[in-house]
Amino acid sequence: MQAWALILPALILLVGFTHWPAIATIIDSLYTTPRGSRPAVFVGIDNYASLIDDPVFWRALHNNIVYAAITIPVSVVLALLMALAVNGALPGRPLLRMAYFTPTMLPMIAVANIWLFFFTPDYGLFDDFARLIGLGRHNWLGDPATALPAMIVVAVWKEAGFFMIFYLAALQAMPPDLRAAASVEGASRWNFFRRVTWPLLMPTTLFVLVNAVINGFRLVDHVVVMTRGGPDNATTLLLYYIYEVGFRFWDTSMAATLTVVLLAIMGVLAVIQFGIIGRWVHYR
């Protein structure tokens, strides 16, 4: 009884803000959206069937897959390389660490506005650089071919420093005796990293990957500020589409349906991560 009393506050918050909203969302996805005096009507899986014929949904899903497939590996690999770089004895190492981590401390809206200025045609940072190398102006966020890559660049810049902190903490927690023993045995840096460092980093890598996957499907702030899903839905991601359907068109049942689909995708990815990658993780 005492144990239940201790965990009851956390349990109430968990059920109230996590489990019950998820269950309520699934229930709402089986009904129509109530309009004024017209109550919601049970329609079963009709809302899910409607998604099959929704071209914007498929475009948003495609965009999100491309966005996640690029940002996740690039940000994780870049974070690992930055952590390895600042873990050694370098001149100005504290300043370098601070520079890598600074983007993480900036609010999402502030980051979006900074990069919105960078991508501005004619007088933005990227167009200034393009003129230096003899290229013409380009509307980076107004061109369907470059709008999504531009969003990917912003996401990697923001997330890599955050993931670097976890890798850096894991590297500093490794016993120095391991490197000394490897030096005595004549192991090269690459062999030491492949045989010792990387296996010991697998728990951190799994944690970072879980967070990277979540971040890969929850971007909405930058889209709202920078492109609003345009041009021609080129940067519409799933969470932004949920926001647009729920708060712009006020179709709460379809927004709930999209949310359930997003939760299902995240659940499948979680099973893959813990089922496959988890086998390579060894905790000491």
C-alpha atoms as a PDB file:
ATOM      1  CA  MET A   1       0.000   0.000   0.000  1.00  0.00           C
ATOM      2  CA  GLN A   2       2.819   2.379   0.807  1.00  0.00           C
ATOM      3  CA  ALA A   3       4.445   1.697  -2.561  1.00  0.00           C
ATOM      4  CA  TRP A   4       1.163   2.461  -4.410  1.00  0.00           C
ATOM      5  CA  ALA A   5       0.798   5.677  -2.404  1.00  0.00           C
ATOM      6  CA  LEU A   6       4.284   6.766  -3.472  1.00  0.00           C
ATOM      7  CA  ILE A   7       3.721   6.138  -7.181  1.00  0.00           C
ATOM      8  CA  LEU A   8       0.097   7.362  -7.229  1.00  0.00           C
ATOM      9  CA  PRO A   9       0.883  11.023  -8.149  1.00  0.00           C
ATOM     10  CA  ALA A  10       3.071   9.960 -11.073  1.00  0.00           C
ATOM     11  CA  LEU A  11       0.542   7.312 -12.095  1.00  0.00           C
ATOM     12  CA  ILE A  12      -2.283   9.857 -12.169  1.00  0.00           C
ATOM     13  CA  LEU A  13      -0.249  12.195 -14.367  1.00  0.00           C
ATOM     14  CA  LEU A  14       0.783   9.325 -16.656  1.00  0.00           C
ATOM     15  CA  VAL A  15      -2.774   8.098 -17.134  1.00  0.00           C
ATOM     16  CA  GLY A  16      -4.276  11.584 -17.384  1.00  0.00           C
ATOM     17  CA  PHE A  17      -1.806  13.034 -19.863  1.00  0.00           C
ATOM     18  CA  THR A  18      -0.609   9.962 -21.793  1.00  0.00           C
ATOM     19  CA  HIS A  19      -2.790   6.861 -21.728  1.00  0.00           C
ATOM     20  CA  TRP A  20      -6.237   8.423 -21.570  1.00  0.00           C
ATOM     21  CA  PRO A  21      -5.565  10.957 -24.376  1.00  0.00           C
ATOM     22  CA  ALA A  22      -4.317   8.098 -26.560  1.00  0.00           C
ATOM     23  CA  ILE A  23      -7.440   6.030 -25.890  1.00  0.00           C
ATOM     24  CA  ALA A  24      -9.690   9.051 -26.420  1.00  0.00           C
ATOM     25  CA  THR A  25      -7.957   9.791 -29.733  1.00  0.00           C
ATOM     26  CA  ILE A  26      -8.592   6.247 -30.958  1.00  0.00           C
ATOM     27  CA  ILE A  27     -12.258   6.549 -29.965  1.00  0.00           C
ATOM     28  CA  ASP A  28     -12.621   9.957 -31.656  1.00  0.00           C
ATOM     29  CA  SER A  29     -11.165   8.546 -34.877  1.00  0.00           C
ATOM     30  CA  LEU A  30     -14.185   6.218 -35.136  1.00  0.00           C
ATOM     31  CA  TYR A  31     -16.706   9.085 -35.102  1.00  0.00           C
ATOM     32  CA  THR A  32     -17.513  12.077 -37.259  1.00  0.00           C
ATOM     33  CA  THR A  33     -16.682  15.591 -36.137  1.00  0.00           C
ATOM     34  CA  PRO A  34     -19.545  17.152 -34.166  1.00  0.00           C
ATOM     35  CA  ARG A  35     -20.818  20.369 -35.770  1.00  0.00           C
ATOM     36  CA  GLY A  36     -22.899  22.761 -33.674  1.00  0.00           C
ATOM     37  CA  SER A  37     -26.050  20.943 -32.588  1.00  0.00           C
ATOM     38  CA  ARG A  38     -25.198  17.870 -34.685  1.00  0.00           C
ATOM     39  CA  PRO A  39     -23.605  15.221 -32.475  1.00  0.00           C
ATOM     40  CA  ALA A  40     -20.803  12.917 -33.535  1.00  0.00           C
ATOM     41  CA  VAL A  41     -21.895   9.791 -35.395  1.00  0.00           C
ATOM     42  CA  PHE A  42     -20.132   6.435 -35.230  1.00  0.00           C
ATOM     43  CA  VAL A  43     -18.627   5.611 -38.654  1.00  0.00           C
ATOM     44  CA  GLY A  44     -16.169   2.840 -37.777  1.00  0.00           C
ATOM     45  CA  ILE A  45     -13.140   2.802 -40.040  1.00  0.00           C
ATOM     46  CA  ASP A  46     -14.578   5.175 -42.628  1.00  0.00           C
ATOM     47  CA  ASN A  47     -12.173   7.913 -41.563  1.00  0.00           C
ATOM     48  CA  TYR A  48      -9.243   5.572 -42.150  1.00  0.00           C
ATOM     49  CA  ALA A  49     -10.648   4.622 -45.550  1.00  0.00           C
ATOM     50  CA  SER A  50     -10.863   8.303 -46.442  1.00  0.00           C
ATOM     51  CA  LEU A  51      -7.130   8.682 -45.882  1.00  0.00           C
ATOM     52  CA  ILE A  52      -6.439   6.251 -48.719  1.00  0.00           C
ATOM     53  CA  ASP A  53      -8.028   8.700 -51.161  1.00  0.00           C
ATOM     54  CA  ASP A  54      -6.377  11.763 -49.600  1.00  0.00           C
ATOM     55  CA  PRO A  55      -3.432  12.883 -51.799  1.00  0.00           C
ATOM     56  CA  VAL A  56      -2.230  15.408 -49.215  1.00  0.00           C
ATOM     57  CA  PHE A  57      -1.887  12.628 -46.625  1.00  0.00           C
ATOM     58  CA  TRP A  58       0.261  10.548 -48.967  1.00  0.00           C
ATOM     59  CA  ARG A  59       2.357  13.598 -49.821  1.00  0.00           C
ATOM     60  CA  ALA A  60       2.825  14.380 -46.129  1.00  0.00           C
ATOM     61  CA  LEU A  61       3.739  10.744 -45.405  1.00  0.00           C
ATOM     62  CA  HIS A  62       6.259  10.708 -48.253  1.00  0.00           C
ATOM     63  CA  ASN A  63       7.775  14.001 -47.123  1.00  0.00           C
ATOM     64  CA  ASN A  64       8.039  12.767 -43.550  1.00  0.00           C
ATOM     65  CA  ILE A  65       9.711   9.519 -44.585  1.00  0.00           C
ATOM     66  CA  VAL A  66      12.283  11.421 -46.652  1.00  0.00           C
ATOM     67  CA  TYR A  67      12.778  13.958 -43.851  1.00  0.00           C
ATOM     68  CA  ALA A  68      13.256  11.268 -41.193  1.00  0.00           C
ATOM     69  CA  ALA A  69      15.415   9.024 -43.401  1.00  0.00           C
ATOM     70  CA  ILE A  70      17.906  11.857 -43.873  1.00  0.00           C
ATOM     71  CA  THR A  71      17.822  13.760 -40.588  1.00  0.00           C
ATOM     72  CA  ILE A  72      18.075  10.703 -38.317  1.00  0.00           C
ATOM     73  CA  PRO A  73      21.319   9.139 -39.633  1.00  0.00           C
ATOM     74  CA  VAL A  74      22.957  12.466 -40.502  1.00  0.00           C
ATOM     75  CA  SER A  75      22.300  14.061 -37.114  1.00  0.00           C
ATOM     76  CA  VAL A  76      23.365  10.928 -35.194  1.00  0.00           C
ATOM     77  CA  VAL A  77      26.584  10.434 -37.177  1.00  0.00           C
ATOM     78  CA  LEU A  78      27.404  14.135 -36.987  1.00  0.00           C
ATOM     79  CA  ALA A  79      26.760  14.130 -33.234  1.00  0.00           C
ATOM     80  CA  LEU A  80      29.130  11.191 -32.776  1.00  0.00           C
ATOM     81  CA  LEU A  81      31.856  12.862 -34.846  1.00  0.00           C
ATOM     82  CA  MET A  82      31.500  16.110 -32.899  1.00  0.00           C
ATOM     83  CA  ALA A  83      31.641  14.233 -29.584  1.00  0.00           C
ATOM     84  CA  LEU A  84      34.798  12.399 -30.651  1.00  0.00           C
ATOM     85  CA  ALA A  85      36.332  15.703 -31.734  1.00  0.00           C
ATOM     86  CA  VAL A  86      35.664  17.610 -28.510  1.00  0.00           C
ATOM     87  CA  ASN A  87      36.476  14.641 -26.268  1.00  0.00           C
ATOM     88  CA  GLY A  88      40.167  14.941 -27.042  1.00  0.00           C
ATOM     89  CA  ALA A  89      42.662  17.538 -25.901  1.00  0.00           C
ATOM     90  CA  LEU A  90      41.998  20.453 -28.251  1.00  0.00           C
ATOM     91  CA  PRO A  91      42.840  24.159 -27.897  1.00  0.00           C
ATOM     92  CA  GLY A  92      39.689  26.070 -27.000  1.00  0.00           C
ATOM     93  CA  ARG A  93      37.753  22.882 -26.313  1.00  0.00           C
ATOM     94  CA  PRO A  94      35.178  24.523 -23.967  1.00  0.00           C
ATOM     95  CA  LEU A  95      34.358  27.143 -26.599  1.00  0.00           C
ATOM     96  CA  LEU A  96      33.997  24.469 -29.270  1.00  0.00           C
ATOM     97  CA  ARG A  97      31.646  22.458 -27.081  1.00  0.00           C
ATOM     98  CA  MET A  98      29.592  25.556 -26.394  1.00  0.00           C
ATOM     99  CA  ALA A  99      29.429  26.353 -30.119  1.00  0.00           C
ATOM    100  CA  TYR A 100      28.175  22.850 -30.912  1.00  0.00           C
ATOM    101  CA  PHE A 101      25.547  22.919 -28.164  1.00  0.00           C
ATOM    102  CA  THR A 102      24.311  26.502 -28.664  1.00  0.00           C
ATOM    103  CA  PRO A 103      21.686  25.647 -31.344  1.00  0.00           C
ATOM    104  CA  THR A 104      20.031  23.257 -28.900  1.00  0.00           C
ATOM    105  CA  MET A 105      19.450  26.006 -26.346  1.00  0.00           C
ATOM    106  CA  LEU A 106      17.699  28.303 -28.829  1.00  0.00           C
ATOM    107  CA  PRO A 107      13.884  28.159 -28.967  1.00  0.00           C
ATOM    108  CA  MET A 108      12.438  26.414 -32.031  1.00  0.00           C
ATOM    109  CA  ILE A 109      10.655  29.580 -33.196  1.00  0.00           C
ATOM    110  CA  ALA A 110      13.843  31.633 -32.868  1.00  0.00           C
ATOM    111  CA  VAL A 111      15.788  29.047 -34.874  1.00  0.00           C
ATOM    112  CA  ALA A 112      13.125  29.084 -37.593  1.00  0.00           C
ATOM    113  CA  ASN A 113      13.273  32.882 -37.865  1.00  0.00           C
ATOM    114  CA  ILE A 114      17.079  32.881 -38.011  1.00  0.00           C
ATOM    115  CA  TRP A 115      17.126  30.384 -40.852  1.00  0.00           C
ATOM    116  CA  LEU A 116      14.220  32.140 -42.542  1.00  0.00           C
ATOM    117  CA  PHE A 117      16.533  35.124 -42.873  1.00  0.00           C
ATOM    118  CA  PHE A 118      19.376  32.890 -44.144  1.00  0.00           C
ATOM    119  CA  PHE A 119      17.132  31.478 -46.893  1.00  0.00           C
ATOM    120  CA  THR A 120      15.629  34.845 -47.926  1.00  0.00           C
ATOM    121  CA  PRO A 121      16.191  35.520 -51.662  1.00  0.00           C
ATOM    122  CA  ASP A 122      18.537  38.340 -52.726  1.00  0.00           C
ATOM    123  CA  TYR A 123      19.850  39.384 -49.299  1.00  0.00           C
ATOM    124  CA  GLY A 124      19.916  36.109 -47.334  1.00  0.00           C
ATOM    125  CA  LEU A 125      23.156  34.435 -46.283  1.00  0.00           C
ATOM    126  CA  PHE A 126      22.867  31.634 -48.835  1.00  0.00           C
ATOM    127  CA  ASP A 127      22.220  33.989 -51.737  1.00  0.00           C
ATOM    128  CA  ASP A 128      25.166  36.153 -50.651  1.00  0.00           C
ATOM    129  CA  PHE A 129      27.393  33.077 -50.731  1.00  0.00           C
ATOM    130  CA  ALA A 130      25.934  32.032 -54.093  1.00  0.00           C
ATOM    131  CA  ARG A 131      26.848  35.405 -55.569  1.00  0.00           C
ATOM    132  CA  LEU A 132      30.432  35.033 -54.335  1.00  0.00           C
ATOM    133  CA  ILE A 133      30.849  31.838 -56.351  1.00  0.00           C
ATOM    134  CA  GLY A 134      29.080  33.219 -59.402  1.00  0.00           C
ATOM    135  CA  LEU A 135      25.615  31.733 -58.979  1.00  0.00           C
ATOM    136  CA  GLY A 136      22.316  33.583 -59.270  1.00  0.00           C
ATOM    137  CA  ARG A 137      19.572  34.149 -56.734  1.00  0.00           C
ATOM    138  CA  HIS A 138      17.390  31.285 -55.618  1.00  0.00           C
ATOM    139  CA  ASN A 139      14.167  31.086 -53.623  1.00  0.00           C
ATOM    140  CA  TRP A 140      15.219  28.239 -51.351  1.00  0.00           C
ATOM    141  CA  LEU A 141      11.917  27.930 -49.490  1.00  0.00           C
ATOM    142  CA  GLY A 142       9.766  28.796 -52.512  1.00  0.00           C
ATOM    143  CA  ASP A 143      11.140  26.078 -54.776  1.00  0.00           C
ATOM    144  CA  PRO A 144       9.564  22.596 -54.268  1.00  0.00           C
ATOM    145  CA  ALA A 145      12.918  21.017 -55.122  1.00  0.00           C
ATOM    146  CA  THR A 146      14.848  22.793 -52.338  1.00  0.00           C
ATOM    147  CA  ALA A 147      12.211  23.568 -49.685  1.00  0.00           C
ATOM    148  CA  LEU A 148      12.333  20.186 -47.933  1.00  0.00           C
ATOM    149  CA  PRO A 149      16.152  19.924 -48.092  1.00  0.00           C
ATOM    150  CA  ALA A 150      16.280  23.387 -46.522  1.00  0.00           C
ATOM    151  CA  MET A 151      14.119  22.175 -43.634  1.00  0.00           C
ATOM    152  CA  ILE A 152      16.376  19.143 -43.265  1.00  0.00           C
ATOM    153  CA  VAL A 153      19.450  21.376 -42.955  1.00  0.00           C
ATOM    154  CA  VAL A 154      17.778  23.346 -40.162  1.00  0.00           C
ATOM    155  CA  ALA A 155      16.787  20.170 -38.295  1.00  0.00           C
ATOM    156  CA  VAL A 156      20.274  18.647 -38.468  1.00  0.00           C
ATOM    157  CA  TRP A 157      21.853  21.919 -37.310  1.00  0.00           C
ATOM    158  CA  LYS A 158      19.489  22.033 -34.334  1.00  0.00           C
ATOM    159  CA  GLU A 159      19.616  18.377 -33.264  1.00  0.00           C
ATOM    160  CA  ALA A 160      23.229  17.304 -33.765  1.00  0.00           C
ATOM    161  CA  GLY A 161      24.510  19.355 -30.830  1.00  0.00           C
ATOM    162  CA  PHE A 162      21.822  17.934 -28.545  1.00  0.00           C
ATOM    163  CA  PHE A 163      22.754  14.342 -29.381  1.00  0.00           C
ATOM    164  CA  MET A 164      26.444  15.203 -29.061  1.00  0.00           C
ATOM    165  CA  ILE A 165      26.010  15.818 -25.326  1.00  0.00           C
ATOM    166  CA  PHE A 166      24.908  12.221 -24.727  1.00  0.00           C
ATOM    167  CA  TYR A 167      27.769  10.782 -26.768  1.00  0.00           C
ATOM    168  CA  LEU A 168      30.244  13.043 -25.011  1.00  0.00           C
ATOM    169  CA  ALA A 169      28.976  11.936 -21.598  1.00  0.00           C
ATOM    170  CA  ALA A 170      29.280   8.284 -22.640  1.00  0.00           C
ATOM    171  CA  LEU A 171      32.818   8.798 -23.942  1.00  0.00           C
ATOM    172  CA  GLN A 172      33.932  10.482 -20.742  1.00  0.00           C
ATOM    173  CA  ALA A 173      32.433   7.658 -18.672  1.00  0.00           C
ATOM    174  CA  MET A 174      34.613   5.053 -20.364  1.00  0.00           C
ATOM    175  CA  PRO A 175      37.503   3.778 -18.206  1.00  0.00           C
ATOM    176  CA  PRO A 176      40.834   5.230 -19.411  1.00  0.00           C
ATOM    177  CA  ASP A 177      42.441   1.852 -18.719  1.00  0.00           C
ATOM    178  CA  LEU A 178      40.862   0.498 -21.895  1.00  0.00           C
ATOM    179  CA  ARG A 179      42.769   2.893 -24.126  1.00  0.00           C
ATOM    180  CA  ALA A 180      45.978   2.276 -22.202  1.00  0.00           C
ATOM    181  CA  ALA A 181      45.572  -1.480 -22.621  1.00  0.00           C
ATOM    182  CA  ALA A 182      44.842  -1.078 -26.331  1.00  0.00           C
ATOM    183  CA  SER A 183      47.975   1.058 -26.757  1.00  0.00           C
ATOM    184  CA  VAL A 184      50.078  -1.642 -25.107  1.00  0.00           C
ATOM    185  CA  GLU A 185      48.611  -4.204 -27.511  1.00  0.00           C
ATOM    186  CA  GLY A 186      49.378  -1.953 -30.472  1.00  0.00           C
ATOM    187  CA  ALA A 187      45.754  -1.426 -31.544  1.00  0.00           C
ATOM    188  CA  SER A 188      45.166   1.370 -34.031  1.00  0.00           C
ATOM    189  CA  ARG A 189      42.657   4.162 -33.391  1.00  0.00           C
ATOM    190  CA  TRP A 190      40.217   2.650 -35.854  1.00  0.00           C
ATOM    191  CA  ASN A 191      40.426  -0.831 -34.297  1.00  0.00           C
ATOM    192  CA  PHE A 192      40.017   0.627 -30.824  1.00  0.00           C
ATOM    193  CA  PHE A 193      36.943   2.546 -31.932  1.00  0.00           C
ATOM    194  CA  ARG A 194      35.439  -0.439 -33.781  1.00  0.00           C
ATOM    195  CA  ARG A 195      36.191  -3.067 -31.136  1.00  0.00           C
ATOM    196  CA  VAL A 196      35.899  -1.074 -27.899  1.00  0.00           C
ATOM    197  CA  THR A 197      34.407   2.397 -28.201  1.00  0.00           C
ATOM    198  CA  TRP A 198      31.509   1.645 -30.545  1.00  0.00           C
ATOM    199  CA  PRO A 199      30.200  -1.427 -28.630  1.00  0.00           C
ATOM    200  CA  LEU A 200      30.321   0.542 -25.376  1.00  0.00           C
ATOM    201  CA  LEU A 201      28.404   3.388 -27.054  1.00  0.00           C
ATOM    202  CA  MET A 202      25.535   1.158 -28.200  1.00  0.00           C
ATOM    203  CA  PRO A 203      23.270   1.903 -25.173  1.00  0.00           C
ATOM    204  CA  THR A 204      23.740   5.619 -25.837  1.00  0.00           C
ATOM    205  CA  THR A 205      23.191   5.073 -29.554  1.00  0.00           C
ATOM    206  CA  LEU A 206      19.888   3.319 -28.910  1.00  0.00           C
ATOM    207  CA  PHE A 207      18.762   6.168 -26.654  1.00  0.00           C
ATOM    208  CA  VAL A 208      19.815   8.751 -29.236  1.00  0.00           C
ATOM    209  CA  LEU A 209      18.103   6.859 -32.058  1.00  0.00           C
ATOM    210  CA  VAL A 210      14.828   6.696 -30.130  1.00  0.00           C
ATOM    211  CA  ASN A 211      14.925  10.454 -29.618  1.00  0.00           C
ATOM    212  CA  ALA A 212      15.979  11.059 -33.225  1.00  0.00           C
ATOM    213  CA  VAL A 213      13.051   9.008 -34.544  1.00  0.00           C
ATOM    214  CA  ILE A 214      10.627  10.909 -32.311  1.00  0.00           C
ATOM    215  CA  ASN A 215      12.067  14.213 -33.501  1.00  0.00           C
ATOM    216  CA  GLY A 216      11.851  13.018 -37.091  1.00  0.00           C
ATOM    217  CA  PHE A 217       8.058  12.781 -36.834  1.00  0.00           C
ATOM    218  CA  ARG A 218       7.174  15.658 -34.533  1.00  0.00           C
ATOM    219  CA  LEU A 219       8.371  18.722 -36.420  1.00  0.00           C
ATOM    220  CA  VAL A 220       5.736  21.435 -36.702  1.00  0.00           C
ATOM    221  CA  ASP A 221       7.235  24.692 -35.376  1.00  0.00           C
ATOM    222  CA  HIS A 222       9.668  25.254 -38.231  1.00  0.00           C
ATOM    223  CA  VAL A 223       7.065  24.381 -40.842  1.00  0.00           C
ATOM    224  CA  VAL A 224       4.572  26.883 -39.407  1.00  0.00           C
ATOM    225  CA  VAL A 225       7.099  29.720 -39.327  1.00  0.00           C
ATOM    226  CA  MET A 226       9.084  29.036 -42.484  1.00  0.00           C
ATOM    227  CA  THR A 227       6.826  27.489 -45.155  1.00  0.00           C
ATOM    228  CA  ARG A 228       3.349  26.622 -43.789  1.00  0.00           C
ATOM    229  CA  GLY A 229       3.641  23.359 -45.689  1.00  0.00           C
ATOM    230  CA  GLY A 230       4.338  24.972 -49.052  1.00  0.00           C
ATOM    231  CA  PRO A 231       5.114  25.340 -51.785  1.00  0.00           C
ATOM    232  CA  ASP A 232       2.498  22.923 -53.128  1.00  0.00           C
ATOM    233  CA  ASN A 233       2.711  20.782 -49.935  1.00  0.00           C
ATOM    234  CA  ALA A 234       6.421  20.198 -50.537  1.00  0.00           C
ATOM    235  CA  THR A 235       7.174  20.619 -46.802  1.00  0.00           C
ATOM    236  CA  THR A 236       3.921  19.315 -45.341  1.00  0.00           C
ATOM    237  CA  LEU A 237       4.838  16.737 -42.689  1.00  0.00           C
ATOM    238  CA  LEU A 238       2.459  14.467 -40.803  1.00  0.00           C
ATOM    239  CA  LEU A 239       2.326  16.453 -37.571  1.00  0.00           C
ATOM    240  CA  TYR A 240       1.850  19.723 -39.444  1.00  0.00           C
ATOM    241  CA  TYR A 241      -0.950  18.131 -41.463  1.00  0.00           C
ATOM    242  CA  ILE A 242      -2.583  17.011 -38.204  1.00  0.00           C
ATOM    243  CA  TYR A 243      -2.278  20.566 -36.893  1.00  0.00           C
ATOM    244  CA  GLU A 244      -3.729  21.990 -40.102  1.00  0.00           C
ATOM    245  CA  VAL A 245      -6.668  19.560 -40.237  1.00  0.00           C
ATOM    246  CA  GLY A 246      -7.462  19.931 -36.544  1.00  0.00           C
ATOM    247  CA  PHE A 247      -7.015  23.671 -36.017  1.00  0.00           C
ATOM    248  CA  ARG A 248      -7.447  25.210 -39.456  1.00  0.00           C
ATOM    249  CA  PHE A 249     -10.223  23.077 -40.910  1.00  0.00           C
ATOM    250  CA  TRP A 250     -11.514  22.055 -37.451  1.00  0.00           C
ATOM    251  CA  ASP A 251     -12.026  18.431 -38.537  1.00  0.00           C
ATOM    252  CA  THR A 252     -11.169  16.879 -35.184  1.00  0.00           C
ATOM    253  CA  SER A 253     -12.163  13.331 -36.114  1.00  0.00           C
ATOM    254  CA  MET A 254      -9.855  13.292 -39.144  1.00  0.00           C
ATOM    255  CA  ALA A 255      -7.103  14.856 -37.050  1.00  0.00           C
ATOM    256  CA  ALA A 256      -7.593  12.053 -34.521  1.00  0.00           C
ATOM    257  CA  THR A 257      -7.401   9.508 -37.337  1.00  0.00           C
ATOM    258  CA  LEU A 258      -4.136  10.990 -38.569  1.00  0.00           C
ATOM    259  CA  THR A 259      -2.815  10.968 -35.011  1.00  0.00           C
ATOM    260  CA  VAL A 260      -3.593   7.263 -34.635  1.00  0.00           C
ATOM    261  CA  VAL A 261      -1.777   6.560 -37.898  1.00  0.00           C
ATOM    262  CA  LEU A 262       1.225   8.544 -36.659  1.00  0.00           C
ATOM    263  CA  LEU A 263       1.179   6.669 -33.332  1.00  0.00           C
ATOM    264  CA  ALA A 264       1.044   3.359 -35.212  1.00  0.00           C
ATOM    265  CA  ILE A 265       4.068   4.346 -37.284  1.00  0.00           C
ATOM    266  CA  MET A 266       5.966   5.351 -34.154  1.00  0.00           C
ATOM    267  CA  GLY A 267       4.988   2.070 -32.468  1.00  0.00           C
ATOM    268  CA  VAL A 268       6.287   0.012 -35.384  1.00  0.00           C
ATOM    269  CA  LEU A 269       9.547   1.965 -35.413  1.00  0.00           C
ATOM    270  CA  ALA A 270       9.912   1.473 -31.643  1.00  0.00           C
ATOM    271  CA  VAL A 271       9.479  -2.292 -32.016  1.00  0.00           C
ATOM    272  CA  ILE A 272      12.111  -2.332 -34.760  1.00  0.00           C
ATOM    273  CA  GLN A 273      14.547  -0.278 -32.698  1.00  0.00           C
ATOM    274  CA  PHE A 274      14.240  -2.282 -29.487  1.00  0.00           C
ATOM    275  CA  GLY A 275      13.800  -5.610 -31.259  1.00  0.00           C
ATOM    276  CA  ILE A 276      16.693  -5.368 -33.708  1.00  0.00           C
ATOM    277  CA  ILE A 277      19.074  -2.688 -32.513  1.00  0.00           C
ATOM    278  CA  GLY A 278      18.427  -3.678 -28.901  1.00  0.00           C
ATOM    279  CA  ARG A 279      20.136  -7.012 -29.555  1.00  0.00           C
ATOM    280  CA  TRP A 280      23.420  -5.217 -30.123  1.00  0.00           C
ATOM    281  CA  VAL A 281      23.169  -3.286 -26.858  1.00  0.00           C
ATOM    282  CA  HIS A 282      25.122  -4.624 -23.906  1.00  0.00           C
ATOM    283  CA  TYR A 283      24.821  -2.933 -20.537  1.00  0.00           C
ATOM    284  CA  ARG A 284      27.570  -3.226 -17.994  1.00  0.00           C
END
